[in-house]
Amino acid sequence: MTTTDLEKYFGDPLKVAAFFGVSPEAFYQWRKRPGQLIPKGRATEAAYRTKGALTYNPSLYAKNTGLKEQH
């Protein structure tokens, strides 16, 4: 699940941050992750709490996605 997916669903970053109970700055940091993927645990949480309106795709989080990890 990407930050773009969340913004499309919620309408703006502030609503995303409120949904997860994080600061807007934390959400903006997710944008800097490879592929703008949000943390895996947050993706599963969003899928559960939105009753599947947002979908968790485990293949995006597979180690062989071709994305380089940031250290």
C-alpha atoms as a PDB file:
ATOM      1  CA  MET A   1       0.000   0.000   0.000  1.00  0.00           C
ATOM      2  CA  THR A   2       1.433   3.343  -0.976  1.00  0.00           C
ATOM      3  CA  THR A   3       1.102   6.817   0.414  1.00  0.00           C
ATOM      4  CA  THR A   4      -0.754   7.708  -2.786  1.00  0.00           C
ATOM      5  CA  ASP A   5      -3.346   4.984  -2.070  1.00  0.00           C
ATOM      6  CA  LEU A   6      -3.921   6.464   1.372  1.00  0.00           C
ATOM      7  CA  GLU A   7      -4.194  10.023   0.115  1.00  0.00           C
ATOM      8  CA  LYS A   8      -6.717   8.996  -2.523  1.00  0.00           C
ATOM      9  CA  TYR A   9      -8.819   7.208   0.079  1.00  0.00           C
ATOM     10  CA  PHE A  10      -8.658   9.775   2.882  1.00  0.00           C
ATOM     11  CA  GLY A  11      -8.360  12.952   0.818  1.00  0.00           C
ATOM     12  CA  ASP A  12      -5.290  14.500   2.418  1.00  0.00           C
ATOM     13  CA  PRO A  13      -2.213  13.676   4.491  1.00  0.00           C
ATOM     14  CA  LEU A  14      -3.611  15.151   7.708  1.00  0.00           C
ATOM     15  CA  LYS A  15      -6.523  12.718   7.652  1.00  0.00           C
ATOM     16  CA  VAL A  16      -4.133   9.836   7.011  1.00  0.00           C
ATOM     17  CA  ALA A  17      -2.003  10.867   9.978  1.00  0.00           C
ATOM     18  CA  ALA A  18      -5.088  11.148  12.194  1.00  0.00           C
ATOM     19  CA  PHE A  19      -6.307   7.701  11.104  1.00  0.00           C
ATOM     20  CA  PHE A  20      -3.040   6.103  12.178  1.00  0.00           C
ATOM     21  CA  GLY A  21      -2.490   8.364  15.188  1.00  0.00           C
ATOM     22  CA  VAL A  22       0.838   9.585  13.870  1.00  0.00           C
ATOM     23  CA  SER A  23       2.180  13.026  13.148  1.00  0.00           C
ATOM     24  CA  PRO A  24       1.880  14.431   9.640  1.00  0.00           C
ATOM     25  CA  GLU A  25       5.684  14.426   9.586  1.00  0.00           C
ATOM     26  CA  ALA A  26       5.683  10.644  10.100  1.00  0.00           C
ATOM     27  CA  PHE A  27       3.364  10.263   7.132  1.00  0.00           C
ATOM     28  CA  TYR A  28       5.622  12.463   5.004  1.00  0.00           C
ATOM     29  CA  GLN A  29       8.569  10.243   5.936  1.00  0.00           C
ATOM     30  CA  TRP A  30       6.680   7.260   4.485  1.00  0.00           C
ATOM     31  CA  ARG A  31       6.746   9.027   1.119  1.00  0.00           C
ATOM     32  CA  LYS A  32      10.544   8.723   1.155  1.00  0.00           C
ATOM     33  CA  ARG A  33      10.428   4.931   1.515  1.00  0.00           C
ATOM     34  CA  PRO A  34      11.158   2.834  -1.585  1.00  0.00           C
ATOM     35  CA  GLY A  35       8.091   2.857  -3.816  1.00  0.00           C
ATOM     36  CA  GLN A  36       6.344   5.111  -1.290  1.00  0.00           C
ATOM     37  CA  LEU A  37       5.256   1.919   0.488  1.00  0.00           C
ATOM     38  CA  ILE A  38       3.893   2.469   3.958  1.00  0.00           C
ATOM     39  CA  PRO A  39       5.146   0.135   6.701  1.00  0.00           C
ATOM     40  CA  LYS A  40       3.795  -3.395   6.330  1.00  0.00           C
ATOM     41  CA  GLY A  41       2.079  -3.381   9.722  1.00  0.00           C
ATOM     42  CA  ARG A  42       0.335  -0.121   8.914  1.00  0.00           C
ATOM     43  CA  ALA A  43      -0.852  -1.530   5.586  1.00  0.00           C
ATOM     44  CA  THR A  44      -2.441  -4.533   7.279  1.00  0.00           C
ATOM     45  CA  GLU A  45      -3.980  -2.231   9.889  1.00  0.00           C
ATOM     46  CA  ALA A  46      -5.481  -0.003   7.195  1.00  0.00           C
ATOM     47  CA  ALA A  47      -6.948  -2.980   5.320  1.00  0.00           C
ATOM     48  CA  TYR A  48      -8.510  -4.301   8.517  1.00  0.00           C
ATOM     49  CA  ARG A  49      -9.835  -0.985   9.805  1.00  0.00           C
ATOM     50  CA  THR A  50     -11.327   0.010   6.433  1.00  0.00           C
ATOM     51  CA  LYS A  51     -12.906  -3.459   6.075  1.00  0.00           C
ATOM     52  CA  GLY A  52     -10.987  -4.062   2.857  1.00  0.00           C
ATOM     53  CA  ALA A  53     -11.664  -0.729   1.171  1.00  0.00           C
ATOM     54  CA  LEU A  54      -7.883  -0.331   1.269  1.00  0.00           C
ATOM     55  CA  THR A  55      -6.213  -3.575   0.297  1.00  0.00           C
ATOM     56  CA  TYR A  56      -3.024  -5.059   1.652  1.00  0.00           C
ATOM     57  CA  ASN A  57      -0.927  -6.607  -1.116  1.00  0.00           C
ATOM     58  CA  PRO A  58       1.760  -8.827   0.425  1.00  0.00           C
ATOM     59  CA  SER A  59       3.615  -9.123  -2.869  1.00  0.00           C
ATOM     60  CA  LEU A  60       4.550  -5.437  -2.612  1.00  0.00           C
ATOM     61  CA  TYR A  61       6.461  -6.279   0.545  1.00  0.00           C
ATOM     62  CA  ALA A  62       8.265  -9.355  -0.751  1.00  0.00           C
ATOM     63  CA  LYS A  63      12.035  -9.104  -0.449  1.00  0.00           C
ATOM     64  CA  ASN A  64      12.524  -9.547  -4.202  1.00  0.00           C
ATOM     65  CA  THR A  65      10.543  -6.498  -5.318  1.00  0.00           C
ATOM     66  CA  GLY A  66      13.544  -5.085  -7.117  1.00  0.00           C
ATOM     67  CA  LEU A  67      13.568  -2.092  -4.792  1.00  0.00           C
ATOM     68  CA  LYS A  68      16.738  -1.222  -2.961  1.00  0.00           C
ATOM     69  CA  GLU A  69      16.392  -0.945   0.764  1.00  0.00           C
ATOM     70  CA  GLN A  70      17.414   2.320   2.365  1.00  0.00           C
ATOM     71  CA  HIS A  71      19.839   1.972   5.262  1.00  0.00           C
END
